[in-house]
Amino acid sequence: MDERLYIVTYDIASRRRWRHVFRTMEGYGEWLQLSVFQCRLTAKQRVEMVAALDTLIHHGDDHVLIVDLGPADKVSPRVESLGKRFDAVAREPIIV
């Protein structure tokens, strides 16, 4: 499976919309900080995430940044973390 690693961060003007965006992002990645998620996504998952976010935000008031870090299995994020420990999202088996 071709997954890429993304950092998604957002600035949402409305508290209600922020909660909706946060809940949506919980389905796509790991929460790092207040409005920052780390996501391992296939191309299809990325398109689905962008479509979901696009319907939630107000384009004149809100801002979402999606940073592509590269192939998830090959990229080794170099992150300096002060305080709490930072762990890159690992690929985990899904049991159905």
N, C-alpha and C. Protein backbone atom coordinates (compact mmCIF):
# COMPACT_ATOMS: atom_id res chain seq x y z
N MET A 1 0.85 -1.18 0.00
CA MET A 1 0.00 0.00 0.00
C MET A 1 0.90 1.24 0.00
N ASP A 2 0.64 2.16 -0.90
CA ASP A 2 1.44 3.38 -0.99
C ASP A 2 0.84 4.46 -0.10
N GLU A 3 1.41 4.61 1.08
CA GLU A 3 0.97 5.63 2.01
C GLU A 3 2.00 6.74 2.05
N ARG A 4 1.50 7.95 2.28
CA ARG A 4 2.38 9.10 2.47
C ARG A 4 2.11 9.65 3.85
N LEU A 5 3.11 10.32 4.40
CA LEU A 5 2.98 10.92 5.71
C LEU A 5 2.68 12.40 5.55
N TYR A 6 1.65 12.87 6.24
CA TYR A 6 1.20 14.26 6.16
C TYR A 6 1.12 14.87 7.55
N ILE A 7 1.39 16.16 7.62
CA ILE A 7 1.06 16.96 8.79
C ILE A 7 -0.09 17.87 8.35
N VAL A 8 -1.19 17.81 9.09
CA VAL A 8 -2.36 18.64 8.79
C VAL A 8 -2.56 19.58 9.97
N THR A 9 -2.61 20.86 9.67
CA THR A 9 -2.82 21.86 10.71
C THR A 9 -3.90 22.83 10.23
N TYR A 10 -4.64 23.37 11.16
CA TYR A 10 -5.76 24.21 10.75
C TYR A 10 -6.01 25.34 11.74
N ASP A 11 -6.58 26.41 11.21
CA ASP A 11 -6.99 27.57 11.99
C ASP A 11 -8.44 27.84 11.60
N ILE A 12 -9.34 27.51 12.49
CA ILE A 12 -10.78 27.59 12.21
C ILE A 12 -11.38 28.71 13.06
N ALA A 13 -12.09 29.63 12.43
CA ALA A 13 -12.61 30.83 13.10
C ALA A 13 -13.73 30.54 14.09
N SER A 14 -14.54 29.54 13.82
CA SER A 14 -15.68 29.23 14.68
C SER A 14 -15.37 28.02 15.56
N ARG A 15 -15.67 28.13 16.83
CA ARG A 15 -15.43 27.01 17.76
C ARG A 15 -16.23 25.78 17.34
N ARG A 16 -17.45 25.98 16.88
CA ARG A 16 -18.28 24.84 16.46
C ARG A 16 -17.67 24.15 15.24
N ARG A 17 -17.26 24.93 14.25
CA ARG A 17 -16.62 24.33 13.07
C ARG A 17 -15.31 23.66 13.46
N TRP A 18 -14.56 24.27 14.39
CA TRP A 18 -13.31 23.67 14.85
C TRP A 18 -13.56 22.27 15.42
N ARG A 19 -14.61 22.11 16.22
CA ARG A 19 -14.94 20.79 16.79
C ARG A 19 -15.27 19.79 15.69
N HIS A 20 -16.00 20.23 14.67
CA HIS A 20 -16.33 19.33 13.56
C HIS A 20 -15.07 18.91 12.80
N VAL A 21 -14.18 19.87 12.57
CA VAL A 21 -12.92 19.56 11.88
C VAL A 21 -12.10 18.61 12.74
N PHE A 22 -12.00 18.87 14.04
CA PHE A 22 -11.24 18.01 14.94
C PHE A 22 -11.77 16.58 14.90
N ARG A 23 -13.08 16.41 15.00
CA ARG A 23 -13.68 15.07 14.98
C ARG A 23 -13.42 14.37 13.65
N THR A 24 -13.49 15.13 12.57
CA THR A 24 -13.20 14.55 11.25
C THR A 24 -11.75 14.09 11.17
N MET A 25 -10.84 14.92 11.66
CA MET A 25 -9.42 14.58 11.59
C MET A 25 -9.07 13.38 12.46
N GLU A 26 -9.81 13.15 13.53
CA GLU A 26 -9.54 11.98 14.37
C GLU A 26 -9.69 10.68 13.58
N GLY A 27 -10.48 10.72 12.52
CA GLY A 27 -10.67 9.54 11.68
C GLY A 27 -9.56 9.34 10.66
N TYR A 28 -8.66 10.30 10.54
CA TYR A 28 -7.61 10.23 9.52
C TYR A 28 -6.19 10.19 10.09
N GLY A 29 -6.01 10.54 11.34
CA GLY A 29 -4.64 10.58 11.84
C GLY A 29 -4.55 10.65 13.34
N GLU A 30 -3.34 10.89 13.80
CA GLU A 30 -3.04 10.98 15.22
C GLU A 30 -2.95 12.44 15.62
N TRP A 31 -3.64 12.79 16.68
CA TRP A 31 -3.65 14.15 17.20
C TRP A 31 -2.31 14.43 17.87
N LEU A 32 -1.65 15.51 17.46
CA LEU A 32 -0.37 15.90 18.05
C LEU A 32 -0.51 17.05 19.01
N GLN A 33 -1.19 18.10 18.56
CA GLN A 33 -1.41 19.30 19.37
C GLN A 33 -2.76 19.88 19.02
N LEU A 34 -3.12 20.98 19.63
CA LEU A 34 -4.45 21.56 19.52
C LEU A 34 -5.06 21.46 18.12
N SER A 35 -4.40 21.92 17.11
CA SER A 35 -4.95 21.89 15.75
C SER A 35 -3.94 21.27 14.78
N VAL A 36 -3.26 20.21 15.23
CA VAL A 36 -2.23 19.57 14.41
C VAL A 36 -2.40 18.05 14.47
N PHE A 37 -2.45 17.43 13.30
CA PHE A 37 -2.54 15.98 13.18
C PHE A 37 -1.43 15.46 12.29
N GLN A 38 -1.00 14.23 12.58
CA GLN A 38 -0.04 13.51 11.76
C GLN A 38 -0.81 12.34 11.14
N CYS A 39 -0.75 12.23 9.82
CA CYS A 39 -1.57 11.24 9.12
C CYS A 39 -0.76 10.39 8.15
N ARG A 40 -0.99 9.09 8.15
CA ARG A 40 -0.48 8.17 7.13
C ARG A 40 -1.67 7.86 6.22
N LEU A 41 -1.61 8.31 4.97
CA LEU A 41 -2.77 8.19 4.10
C LEU A 41 -2.40 7.66 2.73
N THR A 42 -3.31 6.87 2.17
CA THR A 42 -3.21 6.51 0.77
C THR A 42 -3.73 7.69 -0.04
N ALA A 43 -3.54 7.65 -1.34
CA ALA A 43 -4.05 8.74 -2.19
C ALA A 43 -5.57 8.86 -2.05
N LYS A 44 -6.26 7.73 -1.98
CA LYS A 44 -7.72 7.74 -1.83
C LYS A 44 -8.14 8.36 -0.50
N GLN A 45 -7.46 7.97 0.58
CA GLN A 45 -7.78 8.54 1.90
C GLN A 45 -7.54 10.04 1.93
N ARG A 46 -6.47 10.49 1.28
CA ARG A 46 -6.17 11.93 1.24
C ARG A 46 -7.29 12.68 0.54
N VAL A 47 -7.74 12.16 -0.61
CA VAL A 47 -8.83 12.80 -1.35
C VAL A 47 -10.10 12.84 -0.50
N GLU A 48 -10.40 11.74 0.20
CA GLU A 48 -11.58 11.70 1.06
C GLU A 48 -11.48 12.72 2.20
N MET A 49 -10.29 12.83 2.80
CA MET A 49 -10.08 13.78 3.89
C MET A 49 -10.26 15.21 3.40
N VAL A 50 -9.64 15.54 2.26
CA VAL A 50 -9.75 16.88 1.71
C VAL A 50 -11.21 17.22 1.39
N ALA A 51 -11.93 16.27 0.81
CA ALA A 51 -13.34 16.50 0.49
C ALA A 51 -14.16 16.73 1.75
N ALA A 52 -13.90 15.96 2.79
CA ALA A 52 -14.63 16.12 4.05
C ALA A 52 -14.34 17.49 4.67
N LEU A 53 -13.07 17.87 4.69
CA LEU A 53 -12.69 19.17 5.27
C LEU A 53 -13.26 20.32 4.45
N ASP A 54 -13.25 20.16 3.13
CA ASP A 54 -13.74 21.21 2.24
C ASP A 54 -15.20 21.55 2.51
N THR A 55 -15.99 20.55 2.91
CA THR A 55 -17.41 20.81 3.19
C THR A 55 -17.62 21.44 4.56
N LEU A 56 -16.63 21.32 5.46
CA LEU A 56 -16.78 21.82 6.83
C LEU A 56 -16.32 23.26 7.01
N ILE A 57 -15.30 23.66 6.28
CA ILE A 57 -14.71 24.97 6.54
C ILE A 57 -15.41 26.08 5.77
N HIS A 58 -15.25 27.29 6.24
CA HIS A 58 -15.68 28.49 5.52
C HIS A 58 -14.42 29.06 4.86
N HIS A 59 -14.40 29.04 3.56
CA HIS A 59 -13.19 29.36 2.82
C HIS A 59 -12.69 30.79 3.03
N GLY A 60 -13.53 31.70 3.40
CA GLY A 60 -13.08 33.06 3.65
C GLY A 60 -12.57 33.30 5.05
N ASP A 61 -12.91 32.39 5.98
CA ASP A 61 -12.56 32.58 7.39
C ASP A 61 -11.55 31.57 7.93
N ASP A 62 -11.53 30.38 7.37
CA ASP A 62 -10.75 29.28 7.92
C ASP A 62 -9.56 28.95 7.03
N HIS A 63 -8.62 28.19 7.59
CA HIS A 63 -7.40 27.85 6.86
C HIS A 63 -6.94 26.45 7.27
N VAL A 64 -6.70 25.58 6.28
CA VAL A 64 -6.18 24.24 6.53
C VAL A 64 -4.90 24.09 5.71
N LEU A 65 -3.84 23.62 6.35
CA LEU A 65 -2.58 23.34 5.65
C LEU A 65 -2.33 21.84 5.70
N ILE A 66 -1.99 21.26 4.56
CA ILE A 66 -1.65 19.84 4.47
C ILE A 66 -0.23 19.77 3.94
N VAL A 67 0.69 19.32 4.80
CA VAL A 67 2.10 19.26 4.45
C VAL A 67 2.46 17.80 4.14
N ASP A 68 2.90 17.54 2.91
CA ASP A 68 3.27 16.20 2.46
C ASP A 68 4.75 15.98 2.81
N LEU A 69 5.02 15.04 3.71
CA LEU A 69 6.39 14.75 4.12
C LEU A 69 7.04 13.67 3.27
N GLY A 70 6.25 12.99 2.44
CA GLY A 70 6.81 11.97 1.55
C GLY A 70 6.28 10.58 1.86
N PRO A 71 6.86 9.57 1.18
CA PRO A 71 6.42 8.18 1.38
C PRO A 71 6.56 7.78 2.85
N ALA A 72 5.47 7.28 3.42
CA ALA A 72 5.43 7.00 4.85
C ALA A 72 6.47 5.97 5.28
N ASP A 73 6.77 4.98 4.44
CA ASP A 73 7.72 3.95 4.83
C ASP A 73 9.17 4.39 4.66
N LYS A 74 9.39 5.48 3.93
CA LYS A 74 10.75 5.92 3.65
C LYS A 74 11.15 7.19 4.39
N VAL A 75 10.17 7.97 4.78
CA VAL A 75 10.49 9.23 5.44
C VAL A 75 10.73 8.98 6.93
N SER A 76 11.71 9.65 7.43
CA SER A 76 12.01 9.59 8.86
C SER A 76 11.96 11.03 9.37
N PRO A 77 10.79 11.44 9.90
CA PRO A 77 10.65 12.84 10.32
C PRO A 77 11.71 13.22 11.35
N ARG A 78 12.34 14.34 11.12
CA ARG A 78 13.30 14.88 12.08
C ARG A 78 12.57 15.99 12.82
N VAL A 79 12.09 15.63 13.99
CA VAL A 79 11.27 16.56 14.76
C VAL A 79 11.93 16.78 16.11
N GLU A 80 12.05 18.03 16.47
CA GLU A 80 12.54 18.36 17.80
C GLU A 80 11.32 18.64 18.66
N SER A 81 11.20 17.92 19.74
CA SER A 81 10.04 18.04 20.61
C SER A 81 10.48 18.40 22.01
N LEU A 82 9.91 19.47 22.54
CA LEU A 82 10.16 19.85 23.92
C LEU A 82 8.93 19.46 24.73
N GLY A 83 9.14 18.90 25.88
CA GLY A 83 8.00 18.49 26.69
C GLY A 83 7.61 17.06 26.38
N LYS A 84 6.35 16.86 26.04
CA LYS A 84 5.84 15.52 25.78
C LYS A 84 6.57 14.84 24.64
N ARG A 85 6.64 13.54 24.68
CA ARG A 85 7.32 12.73 23.67
C ARG A 85 6.56 12.77 22.35
N PHE A 86 7.30 12.79 21.25
CA PHE A 86 6.73 12.77 19.90
C PHE A 86 7.07 11.44 19.26
N ASP A 87 6.05 10.74 18.74
CA ASP A 87 6.26 9.48 18.02
C ASP A 87 5.62 9.60 16.65
N ALA A 88 6.37 9.23 15.61
CA ALA A 88 5.80 9.21 14.26
C ALA A 88 4.72 8.14 14.20
N VAL A 89 3.69 8.37 13.39
CA VAL A 89 2.61 7.41 13.24
C VAL A 89 3.17 6.15 12.60
N ALA A 90 2.97 5.04 13.24
CA ALA A 90 3.44 3.75 12.72
C ALA A 90 2.29 3.05 12.00
N ARG A 91 2.65 2.25 11.01
CA ARG A 91 1.65 1.47 10.31
C ARG A 91 1.22 0.33 11.24
N GLU A 92 -0.08 0.16 11.40
CA GLU A 92 -0.60 -0.85 12.29
C GLU A 92 -1.54 -1.76 11.52
N PRO A 93 -1.55 -3.05 11.85
CA PRO A 93 -2.47 -3.97 11.16
C PRO A 93 -3.91 -3.64 11.53
N ILE A 94 -4.78 -3.86 10.58
CA ILE A 94 -6.21 -3.65 10.80
C ILE A 94 -6.89 -5.00 10.74
N ILE A 95 -7.55 -5.38 11.82
CA ILE A 95 -8.23 -6.67 11.89
C ILE A 95 -9.71 -6.43 11.65
N VAL A 96 -10.25 -7.11 10.66
CA VAL A 96 -11.66 -6.91 10.31
C VAL A 96 -12.47 -8.11 10.76
